[in-house]
Amino acid sequence: MSVAKITEITATSKKSFDAAVQNGIKRASKTLKNITSAWIADQSVSVKNGKIVRYEVRMKITFILK
């Protein structure tokens, strides 16, 4: 029997939402082992002078406990 845990993180990128997700998974993988999935709970952008300057995602990471 496996036990899973979910933690919520926020990640950003100057390039895209996809890059923000990749950054978040990469960073989470440094401290969380056995990551099995990520659910994107929310997305937003920061705008300056009419241009997007930052993409942000809030995601829930699922990982299996040993």
C-alpha atoms as a PDB file:
ATOM      1  CA  MET A   1       0.000   0.000   0.000  1.00  0.00           C
ATOM      2  CA  SER A   2       1.267   3.467  -0.882  1.00  0.00           C
ATOM      3  CA  VAL A   3       0.599   6.736   0.870  1.00  0.00           C
ATOM      4  CA  ALA A   4       0.646   9.935  -1.185  1.00  0.00           C
ATOM      5  CA  LYS A   5       0.984  13.515  -0.044  1.00  0.00           C
ATOM      6  CA  ILE A   6       0.086  16.730  -1.867  1.00  0.00           C
ATOM      7  CA  THR A   7       1.886  20.026  -1.462  1.00  0.00           C
ATOM      8  CA  GLU A   8       1.125  23.346  -3.131  1.00  0.00           C
ATOM      9  CA  ILE A   9       3.828  25.458  -4.747  1.00  0.00           C
ATOM     10  CA  THR A  10       4.043  28.605  -6.861  1.00  0.00           C
ATOM     11  CA  ALA A  11       6.526  28.870  -9.735  1.00  0.00           C
ATOM     12  CA  THR A  12       7.339  31.632 -12.212  1.00  0.00           C
ATOM     13  CA  SER A  13       8.991  32.197 -15.579  1.00  0.00           C
ATOM     14  CA  LYS A  14       9.670  35.130 -17.864  1.00  0.00           C
ATOM     15  CA  LYS A  15       8.997  32.923 -20.932  1.00  0.00           C
ATOM     16  CA  SER A  16       5.696  31.002 -20.620  1.00  0.00           C
ATOM     17  CA  PHE A  17       3.290  29.067 -18.419  1.00  0.00           C
ATOM     18  CA  ASP A  18       4.913  25.834 -19.630  1.00  0.00           C
ATOM     19  CA  ALA A  19       8.336  27.090 -18.535  1.00  0.00           C
ATOM     20  CA  ALA A  20       6.899  28.078 -15.134  1.00  0.00           C
ATOM     21  CA  VAL A  21       5.536  24.535 -14.681  1.00  0.00           C
ATOM     22  CA  GLN A  22       8.899  23.053 -15.683  1.00  0.00           C
ATOM     23  CA  ASN A  23      10.704  25.373 -13.230  1.00  0.00           C
ATOM     24  CA  GLY A  24       8.353  24.350 -10.424  1.00  0.00           C
ATOM     25  CA  ILE A  25       8.730  20.610 -11.061  1.00  0.00           C
ATOM     26  CA  LYS A  26      12.511  20.928 -11.363  1.00  0.00           C
ATOM     27  CA  ARG A  27      12.770  22.834  -8.074  1.00  0.00           C
ATOM     28  CA  ALA A  28      10.319  20.568  -6.230  1.00  0.00           C
ATOM     29  CA  SER A  29      12.307  17.510  -7.373  1.00  0.00           C
ATOM     30  CA  LYS A  30      15.316  18.752  -5.404  1.00  0.00           C
ATOM     31  CA  THR A  31      13.541  18.182  -2.082  1.00  0.00           C
ATOM     32  CA  LEU A  32      10.529  15.968  -2.861  1.00  0.00           C
ATOM     33  CA  LYS A  33      11.144  12.407  -4.009  1.00  0.00           C
ATOM     34  CA  ASN A  34       8.765  10.133  -5.934  1.00  0.00           C
ATOM     35  CA  ILE A  35       6.744  12.935  -7.591  1.00  0.00           C
ATOM     36  CA  THR A  36       3.948  11.327  -9.583  1.00  0.00           C
ATOM     37  CA  SER A  37       1.830  14.244 -10.826  1.00  0.00           C
ATOM     38  CA  ALA A  38       1.106  17.965 -10.763  1.00  0.00           C
ATOM     39  CA  TRP A  39      -2.238  19.712 -11.023  1.00  0.00           C
ATOM     40  CA  ILE A  40      -2.286  23.334 -12.184  1.00  0.00           C
ATOM     41  CA  ALA A  41      -4.652  25.090  -9.788  1.00  0.00           C
ATOM     42  CA  ASP A  42      -4.211  28.653 -11.070  1.00  0.00           C
ATOM     43  CA  GLN A  43      -2.345  30.740 -13.643  1.00  0.00           C
ATOM     44  CA  SER A  44      -1.652  34.464 -13.745  1.00  0.00           C
ATOM     45  CA  VAL A  45       0.581  36.991 -15.466  1.00  0.00           C
ATOM     46  CA  SER A  46       2.259  40.200 -14.388  1.00  0.00           C
ATOM     47  CA  VAL A  47       1.977  43.045 -16.906  1.00  0.00           C
ATOM     48  CA  LYS A  48       4.172  46.116 -17.248  1.00  0.00           C
ATOM     49  CA  ASN A  49       3.680  48.781 -19.931  1.00  0.00           C
ATOM     50  CA  GLY A  50       1.188  46.561 -21.754  1.00  0.00           C
ATOM     51  CA  LYS A  51       3.550  43.566 -21.961  1.00  0.00           C
ATOM     52  CA  ILE A  52       3.650  40.317 -20.022  1.00  0.00           C
ATOM     53  CA  VAL A  53       6.753  40.310 -17.826  1.00  0.00           C
ATOM     54  CA  ARG A  54       6.107  37.202 -15.715  1.00  0.00           C
ATOM     55  CA  TYR A  55       4.057  34.019 -15.938  1.00  0.00           C
ATOM     56  CA  GLU A  56       3.029  32.411 -12.642  1.00  0.00           C
ATOM     57  CA  VAL A  57       1.449  29.044 -11.883  1.00  0.00           C
ATOM     58  CA  ARG A  58       0.109  27.692  -8.628  1.00  0.00           C
ATOM     59  CA  MET A  59       0.227  23.910  -8.670  1.00  0.00           C
ATOM     60  CA  LYS A  60      -0.374  20.955  -6.423  1.00  0.00           C
ATOM     61  CA  ILE A  61       2.388  18.354  -6.504  1.00  0.00           C
ATOM     62  CA  THR A  62       1.608  14.733  -5.591  1.00  0.00           C
ATOM     63  CA  PHE A  63       4.385  12.502  -4.303  1.00  0.00           C
ATOM     64  CA  ILE A  64       4.564   9.039  -2.733  1.00  0.00           C
ATOM     65  CA  LEU A  65       5.890   8.707   0.818  1.00  0.00           C
ATOM     66  CA  LYS A  66       8.376   5.969   1.600  1.00  0.00           C
END
